[in-house]
């Protein structure tokens, strides 16, 4: 039986994940991110709860906001949870 190589944590895998961002998450991210960032444009162009395809680098950037934004809004917390799920899938965390 051969061992399956697992990518090291925090190493780009070349894979993507999808994440759905609700209205509270969209508003928060569009305030937090810079308009010149590609992930900003993806979020701005997507509708509420549309699936957005993200790379590991984009998820890392979204996770920065999750760590920095202090909010108890349950809608933001739901978006943050979905972003964390994508980060785990991509090996970012």
PDB file of N, CA and C in Angstrom:
ATOM      1  N   UNK A   1       0.841  -1.171   0.000  1.00  0.00           N
ATOM      2  CA  UNK A   1       0.000   0.000   0.000  1.00  0.00           C
ATOM      3  C   UNK A   1       0.886   1.234   0.000  1.00  0.00           C
ATOM      4  N   UNK A   2       0.694   2.110  -0.945  1.00  0.00           N
ATOM      5  CA  UNK A   2       1.539   3.289  -1.031  1.00  0.00           C
ATOM      6  C   UNK A   2       0.929   4.448  -0.255  1.00  0.00           C
ATOM      7  N   UNK A   3       1.806   5.279   0.265  1.00  0.00           N
ATOM      8  CA  UNK A   3       1.365   6.451   1.032  1.00  0.00           C
ATOM      9  C   UNK A   3       0.934   7.550   0.067  1.00  0.00           C
ATOM     10  N   UNK A   4      -0.088   8.270   0.453  1.00  0.00           N
ATOM     11  CA  UNK A   4      -0.556   9.406  -0.336  1.00  0.00           C
ATOM     12  C   UNK A   4       0.143  10.647   0.185  1.00  0.00           C
ATOM     13  N   UNK A   5       0.750  11.398  -0.713  1.00  0.00           N
ATOM     14  CA  UNK A   5       1.434  12.624  -0.312  1.00  0.00           C
ATOM     15  C   UNK A   5       0.407  13.691   0.043  1.00  0.00           C
ATOM     16  N   UNK A   6       0.522  14.246   1.220  1.00  0.00           N
ATOM     17  CA  UNK A   6      -0.334  15.337   1.654  1.00  0.00           C
ATOM     18  C   UNK A   6       0.455  16.632   1.542  1.00  0.00           C
ATOM     19  N   UNK A   7      -0.125  17.684   0.932  1.00  0.00           N
ATOM     20  CA  UNK A   7       0.607  18.945   0.860  1.00  0.00           C
ATOM     21  C   UNK A   7       0.832  19.512   2.256  1.00  0.00           C
ATOM     22  N   UNK A   8       1.959  20.176   2.431  1.00  0.00           N
ATOM     23  CA  UNK A   8       2.245  20.816   3.711  1.00  0.00           C
ATOM     24  C   UNK A   8       1.225  21.921   3.946  1.00  0.00           C
ATOM     25  N   UNK A   9       0.886  22.124   5.184  1.00  0.00           N
ATOM     26  CA  UNK A   9      -0.041  23.199   5.542  1.00  0.00           C
ATOM     27  C   UNK A   9       0.531  24.532   5.074  1.00  0.00           C
ATOM     28  N   UNK A  10      -0.324  25.406   4.608  1.00  0.00           N
ATOM     29  CA  UNK A  10       0.026  26.741   4.126  1.00  0.00           C
ATOM     30  C   UNK A  10       0.801  26.725   2.806  1.00  0.00           C
ATOM     31  N   UNK A  11       0.801  25.618   2.102  1.00  0.00           N
ATOM     32  CA  UNK A  11       1.437  25.558   0.800  1.00  0.00           C
ATOM     33  C   UNK A  11       0.349  25.560  -0.271  1.00  0.00           C
ATOM     34  N   UNK A  12       0.513  26.372  -1.329  1.00  0.00           N
ATOM     35  CA  UNK A  12      -0.499  26.396  -2.386  1.00  0.00           C
ATOM     36  C   UNK A  12      -0.679  25.016  -2.991  1.00  0.00           C
ATOM     37  N   UNK A  13      -1.903  24.617  -3.230  1.00  0.00           N
ATOM     38  CA  UNK A  13      -2.172  23.302  -3.779  1.00  0.00           C
ATOM     39  C   UNK A  13      -2.561  23.372  -5.251  1.00  0.00           C
ATOM     40  N   UNK A  14      -2.835  24.567  -5.765  1.00  0.00           N
ATOM     41  CA  UNK A  14      -3.297  24.695  -7.137  1.00  0.00           C
ATOM     42  C   UNK A  14      -4.775  24.388  -7.265  1.00  0.00           C
ATOM     43  N   UNK A  15      -5.383  24.009  -6.169  1.00  0.00           N
ATOM     44  CA  UNK A  15      -6.800  23.693  -6.181  1.00  0.00           C
ATOM     45  C   UNK A  15      -7.609  24.944  -5.849  1.00  0.00           C
ATOM     46  N   UNK A  16      -8.897  24.802  -6.051  1.00  0.00           N
ATOM     47  CA  UNK A  16      -9.804  25.882  -5.692  1.00  0.00           C
ATOM     48  C   UNK A  16     -10.932  25.325  -4.837  1.00  0.00           C
ATOM     49  N   UNK A  17     -11.627  26.214  -4.208  1.00  0.00           N
ATOM     50  CA  UNK A  17     -12.812  25.869  -3.429  1.00  0.00           C
ATOM     51  C   UNK A  17     -13.876  26.897  -3.775  1.00  0.00           C
ATOM     52  N   UNK A  18     -15.098  26.595  -3.411  1.00  0.00           N
ATOM     53  CA  UNK A  18     -16.157  27.583  -3.584  1.00  0.00           C
ATOM     54  C   UNK A  18     -16.655  27.995  -2.213  1.00  0.00           C
ATOM     55  N   UNK A  19     -17.084  29.227  -2.141  1.00  0.00           N
ATOM     56  CA  UNK A  19     -17.615  29.776  -0.906  1.00  0.00           C
ATOM     57  C   UNK A  19     -18.804  30.669  -1.258  1.00  0.00           C
ATOM     58  N   UNK A  20     -19.809  30.642  -0.396  1.00  0.00           N
ATOM     59  CA  UNK A  20     -20.967  31.513  -0.557  1.00  0.00           C
ATOM     60  C   UNK A  20     -20.871  32.614   0.479  1.00  0.00           C
ATOM     61  N   UNK A  21     -21.056  33.853   0.038  1.00  0.00           N
ATOM     62  CA  UNK A  21     -20.944  35.001   0.929  1.00  0.00           C
ATOM     63  C   UNK A  21     -22.295  35.701   0.993  1.00  0.00           C
ATOM     64  N   UNK A  22     -22.820  35.815   2.210  1.00  0.00           N
ATOM     65  CA  UNK A  22     -24.121  36.464   2.385  1.00  0.00           C
ATOM     66  C   UNK A  22     -23.966  37.986   2.391  1.00  0.00           C
ATOM     67  N   UNK A  23     -25.080  38.696   2.572  1.00  0.00           N
ATOM     68  CA  UNK A  23     -25.072  40.164   2.500  1.00  0.00           C
ATOM     69  C   UNK A  23     -24.149  40.784   3.546  1.00  0.00           C
ATOM     70  N   UNK A  24     -24.196  40.272   4.773  1.00  0.00           N
ATOM     71  CA  UNK A  24     -23.327  40.823   5.822  1.00  0.00           C
ATOM     72  C   UNK A  24     -21.857  40.573   5.497  1.00  0.00           C
ATOM     73  N   UNK A  25     -21.552  39.383   5.005  1.00  0.00           N
ATOM     74  CA  UNK A  25     -20.182  39.074   4.623  1.00  0.00           C
ATOM     75  C   UNK A  25     -19.715  39.923   3.458  1.00  0.00           C
ATOM     76  N   UNK A  26     -20.586  40.104   2.497  1.00  0.00           N
ATOM     77  CA  UNK A  26     -20.243  40.927   1.324  1.00  0.00           C
ATOM     78  C   UNK A  26     -19.922  42.352   1.751  1.00  0.00           C
ATOM     79  N   UNK A  27     -20.782  42.918   2.568  1.00  0.00           N
ATOM     80  CA  UNK A  27     -20.567  44.294   3.050  1.00  0.00           C
ATOM     81  C   UNK A  27     -19.258  44.396   3.832  1.00  0.00           C
ATOM     82  N   UNK A  28     -19.016  43.434   4.698  1.00  0.00           N
ATOM     83  CA  UNK A  28     -17.799  43.444   5.515  1.00  0.00           C
ATOM     84  C   UNK A  28     -16.556  43.310   4.650  1.00  0.00           C
ATOM     85  N   UNK A  29     -16.559  42.353   3.740  1.00  0.00           N
ATOM     86  CA  UNK A  29     -15.379  42.157   2.888  1.00  0.00           C
ATOM     87  C   UNK A  29     -15.130  43.347   1.970  1.00  0.00           C
ATOM     88  N   UNK A  30     -16.184  43.941   1.429  1.00  0.00           N
ATOM     89  CA  UNK A  30     -15.975  45.073   0.523  1.00  0.00           C
ATOM     90  C   UNK A  30     -15.450  46.300   1.267  1.00  0.00           C
ATOM     91  N   UNK A  31     -15.707  46.387   2.559  1.00  0.00           N
ATOM     92  CA  UNK A  31     -15.107  47.466   3.365  1.00  0.00           C
ATOM     93  C   UNK A  31     -13.672  47.119   3.734  1.00  0.00           C
ATOM     94  N   UNK A  32     -13.386  45.848   3.987  1.00  0.00           N
ATOM     95  CA  UNK A  32     -12.076  45.413   4.465  1.00  0.00           C
ATOM     96  C   UNK A  32     -11.037  45.327   3.341  1.00  0.00           C
ATOM     97  N   UNK A  33     -11.418  44.772   2.214  1.00  0.00           N
ATOM     98  CA  UNK A  33     -10.487  44.560   1.101  1.00  0.00           C
ATOM     99  C   UNK A  33     -10.283  45.834   0.298  1.00  0.00           C
ATOM    100  N   UNK A  34      -9.215  45.863  -0.469  1.00  0.00           N
ATOM    101  CA  UNK A  34      -8.953  46.987  -1.374  1.00  0.00           C
ATOM    102  C   UNK A  34      -9.573  46.695  -2.743  1.00  0.00           C
ATOM    103  N   UNK A  35     -10.112  47.721  -3.396  1.00  0.00           N
ATOM    104  CA  UNK A  35     -10.739  47.509  -4.705  1.00  0.00           C
ATOM    105  C   UNK A  35      -9.797  46.950  -5.775  1.00  0.00           C
ATOM    106  N   UNK A  36      -8.484  47.099  -5.601  1.00  0.00           N
ATOM    107  CA  UNK A  36      -7.549  46.579  -6.604  1.00  0.00           C
ATOM    108  C   UNK A  36      -7.218  45.099  -6.393  1.00  0.00           C
ATOM    109  N   UNK A  37      -7.774  44.483  -5.353  1.00  0.00           N
ATOM    110  CA  UNK A  37      -7.529  43.062  -5.116  1.00  0.00           C
ATOM    111  C   UNK A  37      -8.506  42.229  -5.943  1.00  0.00           C
ATOM    112  N   UNK A  38      -8.011  41.179  -6.614  1.00  0.00           N
ATOM    113  CA  UNK A  38      -8.903  40.342  -7.436  1.00  0.00           C
ATOM    114  C   UNK A  38     -10.079  39.753  -6.654  1.00  0.00           C
ATOM    115  N   UNK A  39      -9.868  39.360  -5.404  1.00  0.00           N
ATOM    116  CA  UNK A  39     -10.956  38.776  -4.622  1.00  0.00           C
ATOM    117  C   UNK A  39     -12.031  39.820  -4.329  1.00  0.00           C
ATOM    118  N   UNK A  40     -11.639  41.073  -4.196  1.00  0.00           N
ATOM    119  CA  UNK A  40     -12.618  42.151  -4.011  1.00  0.00           C
ATOM    120  C   UNK A  40     -13.568  42.173  -5.197  1.00  0.00           C
ATOM    121  N   UNK A  41     -13.002  42.119  -6.397  1.00  0.00           N
ATOM    122  CA  UNK A  41     -13.828  42.185  -7.605  1.00  0.00           C
ATOM    123  C   UNK A  41     -14.728  40.971  -7.725  1.00  0.00           C
ATOM    124  N   UNK A  42     -14.218  39.794  -7.367  1.00  0.00           N
ATOM    125  CA  UNK A  42     -15.057  38.590  -7.412  1.00  0.00           C
ATOM    126  C   UNK A  42     -16.271  38.751  -6.502  1.00  0.00           C
ATOM    127  N   UNK A  43     -16.046  39.269  -5.299  1.00  0.00           N
ATOM    128  CA  UNK A  43     -17.138  39.452  -4.341  1.00  0.00           C
ATOM    129  C   UNK A  43     -18.091  40.531  -4.829  1.00  0.00           C
ATOM    130  N   UNK A  44     -17.552  41.632  -5.354  1.00  0.00           N
ATOM    131  CA  UNK A  44     -18.382  42.730  -5.839  1.00  0.00           C
ATOM    132  C   UNK A  44     -19.247  42.294  -7.019  1.00  0.00           C
ATOM    133  N   UNK A  45     -18.712  41.442  -7.872  1.00  0.00           N
ATOM    134  CA  UNK A  45     -19.440  41.004  -9.069  1.00  0.00           C
ATOM    135  C   UNK A  45     -20.471  39.915  -8.780  1.00  0.00           C
ATOM    136  N   UNK A  46     -20.294  39.198  -7.688  1.00  0.00           N
ATOM    137  CA  UNK A  46     -21.191  38.086  -7.373  1.00  0.00           C
ATOM    138  C   UNK A  46     -22.458  38.588  -6.676  1.00  0.00           C
ATOM    139  N   UNK A  47     -23.513  37.854  -6.861  1.00  0.00           N
ATOM    140  CA  UNK A  47     -24.742  38.143  -6.136  1.00  0.00           C
ATOM    141  C   UNK A  47     -24.668  37.563  -4.733  1.00  0.00           C
ATOM    142  N   UNK A  48     -25.618  37.944  -3.920  1.00  0.00           N
ATOM    143  CA  UNK A  48     -25.682  37.424  -2.561  1.00  0.00           C
ATOM    144  C   UNK A  48     -25.864  35.895  -2.621  1.00  0.00           C
ATOM    145  N   UNK A  49     -25.020  35.193  -1.911  1.00  0.00           N
ATOM    146  CA  UNK A  49     -25.027  33.731  -1.797  1.00  0.00           C
ATOM    147  C   UNK A  49     -24.722  32.999  -3.105  1.00  0.00           C
ATOM    148  N   UNK A  50     -24.167  33.701  -4.095  1.00  0.00           N
ATOM    149  CA  UNK A  50     -23.645  33.014  -5.275  1.00  0.00           C
ATOM    150  C   UNK A  50     -22.367  32.283  -4.871  1.00  0.00           C
ATOM    151  N   UNK A  51     -22.080  31.167  -5.512  1.00  0.00           N
ATOM    152  CA  UNK A  51     -20.820  30.479  -5.255  1.00  0.00           C
ATOM    153  C   UNK A  51     -19.689  31.254  -5.922  1.00  0.00           C
ATOM    154  N   UNK A  52     -18.651  31.510  -5.156  1.00  0.00           N
ATOM    155  CA  UNK A  52     -17.465  32.205  -5.657  1.00  0.00           C
ATOM    156  C   UNK A  52     -16.314  31.209  -5.588  1.00  0.00           C
ATOM    157  N   UNK A  53     -15.614  31.029  -6.694  1.00  0.00           N
ATOM    158  CA  UNK A  53     -14.464  30.139  -6.725  1.00  0.00           C
ATOM    159  C   UNK A  53     -13.250  30.914  -6.237  1.00  0.00           C
ATOM    160  N   UNK A  54     -12.574  30.349  -5.239  1.00  0.00           N
ATOM    161  CA  UNK A  54     -11.431  31.022  -4.624  1.00  0.00           C
ATOM    162  C   UNK A  54     -10.214  30.110  -4.618  1.00  0.00           C
ATOM    163  N   UNK A  55      -9.062  30.736  -4.706  1.00  0.00           N
ATOM    164  CA  UNK A  55      -7.785  30.028  -4.617  1.00  0.00           C
ATOM    165  C   UNK A  55      -7.317  30.043  -3.164  1.00  0.00           C
ATOM    166  N   UNK A  56      -6.273  29.293  -2.885  1.00  0.00           N
ATOM    167  CA  UNK A  56      -5.708  29.277  -1.536  1.00  0.00           C
ATOM    168  C   UNK A  56      -5.253  30.672  -1.123  1.00  0.00           C
ATOM    169  N   UNK A  57      -4.622  31.404  -2.032  1.00  0.00           N
ATOM    170  CA  UNK A  57      -4.160  32.759  -1.701  1.00  0.00           C
ATOM    171  C   UNK A  57      -5.334  33.684  -1.390  1.00  0.00           C
ATOM    172  N   UNK A  58      -6.421  33.540  -2.133  1.00  0.00           N
ATOM    173  CA  UNK A  58      -7.595  34.371  -1.873  1.00  0.00           C
ATOM    174  C   UNK A  58      -8.239  34.010  -0.537  1.00  0.00           C
ATOM    175  N   UNK A  59      -8.275  32.729  -0.220  1.00  0.00           N
ATOM    176  CA  UNK A  59      -8.828  32.314   1.069  1.00  0.00           C
ATOM    177  C   UNK A  59      -7.959  32.842   2.205  1.00  0.00           C
ATOM    178  N   UNK A  60      -6.639  32.832   2.031  1.00  0.00           N
ATOM    179  CA  UNK A  60      -5.755  33.401   3.054  1.00  0.00           C
ATOM    180  C   UNK A  60      -6.112  34.852   3.309  1.00  0.00           C
ATOM    181  N   UNK A  61      -6.367  35.591   2.251  1.00  0.00           N
ATOM    182  CA  UNK A  61      -6.719  37.012   2.391  1.00  0.00           C
ATOM    183  C   UNK A  61      -8.076  37.159   3.093  1.00  0.00           C
ATOM    184  N   UNK A  62      -9.037  36.316   2.730  1.00  0.00           N
ATOM    185  CA  UNK A  62     -10.337  36.360   3.393  1.00  0.00           C
ATOM    186  C   UNK A  62     -10.209  35.991   4.865  1.00  0.00           C
ATOM    187  N   UNK A  63      -9.324  35.066   5.172  1.00  0.00           N
ATOM    188  CA  UNK A  63      -9.114  34.671   6.564  1.00  0.00           C
ATOM    189  C   UNK A  63      -8.506  35.799   7.385  1.00  0.00           C
ATOM    190  N   UNK A  64      -7.726  36.673   6.758  1.00  0.00           N
ATOM    191  CA  UNK A  64      -7.200  37.841   7.470  1.00  0.00           C
ATOM    192  C   UNK A  64      -8.354  38.680   8.003  1.00  0.00           C
ATOM    193  N   UNK A  65      -9.368  38.875   7.175  1.00  0.00           N
ATOM    194  CA  UNK A  65     -10.529  39.647   7.608  1.00  0.00           C
ATOM    195  C   UNK A  65     -11.257  38.923   8.730  1.00  0.00           C
ATOM    196  N   UNK A  66     -11.394  37.603   8.608  1.00  0.00           N
ATOM    197  CA  UNK A  66     -12.070  36.830   9.655  1.00  0.00           C
ATOM    198  C   UNK A  66     -11.364  37.056  10.993  1.00  0.00           C
ATOM    199  N   UNK A  67     -10.047  37.111  10.971  1.00  0.00           N
ATOM    200  CA  UNK A  67      -9.290  37.340  12.201  1.00  0.00           C
ATOM    201  C   UNK A  67      -9.343  38.764  12.702  1.00  0.00           C
ATOM    202  N   UNK A  68      -9.469  39.722  11.780  1.00  0.00           N
ATOM    203  CA  UNK A  68      -9.417  41.134  12.153  1.00  0.00           C
ATOM    204  C   UNK A  68     -10.765  41.742  12.506  1.00  0.00           C
ATOM    205  N   UNK A  69     -11.825  41.270  11.889  1.00  0.00           N
ATOM    206  CA  UNK A  69     -13.139  41.879  12.076  1.00  0.00           C
ATOM    207  C   UNK A  69     -13.737  41.388  13.388  1.00  0.00           C
ATOM    208  N   UNK A  70     -14.089  42.327  14.225  1.00  0.00           N
ATOM    209  CA  UNK A  70     -14.737  41.977  15.493  1.00  0.00           C
ATOM    210  C   UNK A  70     -16.229  42.226  15.334  1.00  0.00           C
ATOM    211  N   UNK A  71     -16.975  41.157  15.203  1.00  0.00           N
ATOM    212  CA  UNK A  71     -18.411  41.258  15.004  1.00  0.00           C
ATOM    213  C   UNK A  71     -19.095  40.053  15.619  1.00  0.00           C
ATOM    214  N   UNK A  72     -20.252  40.304  16.187  1.00  0.00           N
ATOM    215  CA  UNK A  72     -21.069  39.201  16.693  1.00  0.00           C
ATOM    216  C   UNK A  72     -22.305  39.011  15.816  1.00  0.00           C
ATOM    217  N   UNK A  73     -22.329  39.689  14.679  1.00  0.00           N
ATOM    218  CA  UNK A  73     -23.443  39.536  13.742  1.00  0.00           C
ATOM    219  C   UNK A  73     -23.482  38.078  13.284  1.00  0.00           C
ATOM    220  N   UNK A  74     -24.578  37.384  13.544  1.00  0.00           N
ATOM    221  CA  UNK A  74     -24.621  35.958  13.182  1.00  0.00           C
ATOM    222  C   UNK A  74     -24.477  35.713  11.685  1.00  0.00           C
ATOM    223  N   UNK A  75     -24.878  36.656  10.869  1.00  0.00           N
ATOM    224  CA  UNK A  75     -24.741  36.492   9.419  1.00  0.00           C
ATOM    225  C   UNK A  75     -23.270  36.566   9.015  1.00  0.00           C
ATOM    226  N   UNK A  76     -22.521  37.501   9.618  1.00  0.00           N
ATOM    227  CA  UNK A  76     -21.078  37.566   9.366  1.00  0.00           C
ATOM    228  C   UNK A  76     -20.414  36.282   9.862  1.00  0.00           C
ATOM    229  N   UNK A  77     -20.814  35.808  11.031  1.00  0.00           N
ATOM    230  CA  UNK A  77     -20.222  34.591  11.587  1.00  0.00           C
ATOM    231  C   UNK A  77     -20.487  33.381  10.689  1.00  0.00           C
ATOM    232  N   UNK A  78     -21.639  33.346  10.037  1.00  0.00           N
ATOM    233  CA  UNK A  78     -21.933  32.261   9.086  1.00  0.00           C
ATOM    234  C   UNK A  78     -20.991  32.324   7.890  1.00  0.00           C
ATOM    235  N   UNK A  79     -20.782  33.529   7.362  1.00  0.00           N
ATOM    236  CA  UNK A  79     -19.850  33.678   6.245  1.00  0.00           C
ATOM    237  C   UNK A  79     -18.445  33.284   6.685  1.00  0.00           C
ATOM    238  N   UNK A  80     -18.027  33.753   7.854  1.00  0.00           N
ATOM    239  CA  UNK A  80     -16.695  33.420   8.366  1.00  0.00           C
ATOM    240  C   UNK A  80     -16.529  31.903   8.484  1.00  0.00           C
ATOM    241  N   UNK A  81     -17.568  31.223   8.915  1.00  0.00           N
ATOM    242  CA  UNK A  81     -17.525  29.764   9.029  1.00  0.00           C
ATOM    243  C   UNK A  81     -17.354  29.106   7.662  1.00  0.00           C
ATOM    244  N   UNK A  82     -18.047  29.604   6.658  1.00  0.00           N
ATOM    245  CA  UNK A  82     -17.909  29.038   5.310  1.00  0.00           C
ATOM    246  C   UNK A  82     -16.510  29.284   4.756  1.00  0.00           C
ATOM    247  N   UNK A  83     -15.943  30.452   5.037  1.00  0.00           N
ATOM    248  CA  UNK A  83     -14.570  30.762   4.588  1.00  0.00           C
ATOM    249  C   UNK A  83     -13.582  29.843   5.301  1.00  0.00           C
ATOM    250  N   UNK A  84     -13.766  29.622   6.588  1.00  0.00           N
ATOM    251  CA  UNK A  84     -12.901  28.691   7.313  1.00  0.00           C
ATOM    252  C   UNK A  84     -12.970  27.292   6.701  1.00  0.00           C
ATOM    253  N   UNK A  85     -14.157  26.868   6.315  1.00  0.00           N
ATOM    254  CA  UNK A  85     -14.310  25.556   5.672  1.00  0.00           C
ATOM    255  C   UNK A  85     -13.511  25.472   4.383  1.00  0.00           C
ATOM    256  N   UNK A  86     -13.537  26.543   3.594  1.00  0.00           N
ATOM    257  CA  UNK A  86     -12.757  26.569   2.347  1.00  0.00           C
ATOM    258  C   UNK A  86     -11.275  26.559   2.660  1.00  0.00           C
ATOM    259  N   UNK A  87     -10.876  27.262   3.727  1.00  0.00           N
ATOM    260  CA  UNK A  87      -9.467  27.296   4.116  1.00  0.00           C
ATOM    261  C   UNK A  87      -8.977  25.905   4.526  1.00  0.00           C
ATOM    262  N   UNK A  88      -9.800  25.175   5.243  1.00  0.00           N
ATOM    263  CA  UNK A  88      -9.430  23.821   5.638  1.00  0.00           C
ATOM    264  C   UNK A  88      -9.321  22.937   4.402  1.00  0.00           C
ATOM    265  N   UNK A  89     -10.294  23.052   3.509  1.00  0.00           N
ATOM    266  CA  UNK A  89     -10.285  22.238   2.280  1.00  0.00           C
ATOM    267  C   UNK A  89      -9.009  22.473   1.467  1.00  0.00           C
ATOM    268  N   UNK A  90      -8.564  23.721   1.430  1.00  0.00           N
ATOM    269  CA  UNK A  90      -7.392  24.064   0.623  1.00  0.00           C
ATOM    270  C   UNK A  90      -6.073  23.941   1.398  1.00  0.00           C
ATOM    271  N   UNK A  91      -6.144  23.540   2.658  1.00  0.00           N
ATOM    272  CA  UNK A  91      -4.921  23.377   3.446  1.00  0.00           C
ATOM    273  C   UNK A  91      -4.306  24.666   3.919  1.00  0.00           C
ATOM    274  N   UNK A  92      -5.093  25.743   3.937  1.00  0.00           N
ATOM    275  CA  UNK A  92      -4.595  27.041   4.379  1.00  0.00           C
ATOM    276  C   UNK A  92      -4.487  27.062   5.905  1.00  0.00           C
ATOM    277  N   UNK A  93      -5.408  26.397   6.575  1.00  0.00           N
ATOM    278  CA  UNK A  93      -5.346  26.291   8.046  1.00  0.00           C
ATOM    279  C   UNK A  93      -5.445  24.830   8.443  1.00  0.00           C
TER     280      UNK A  93
END
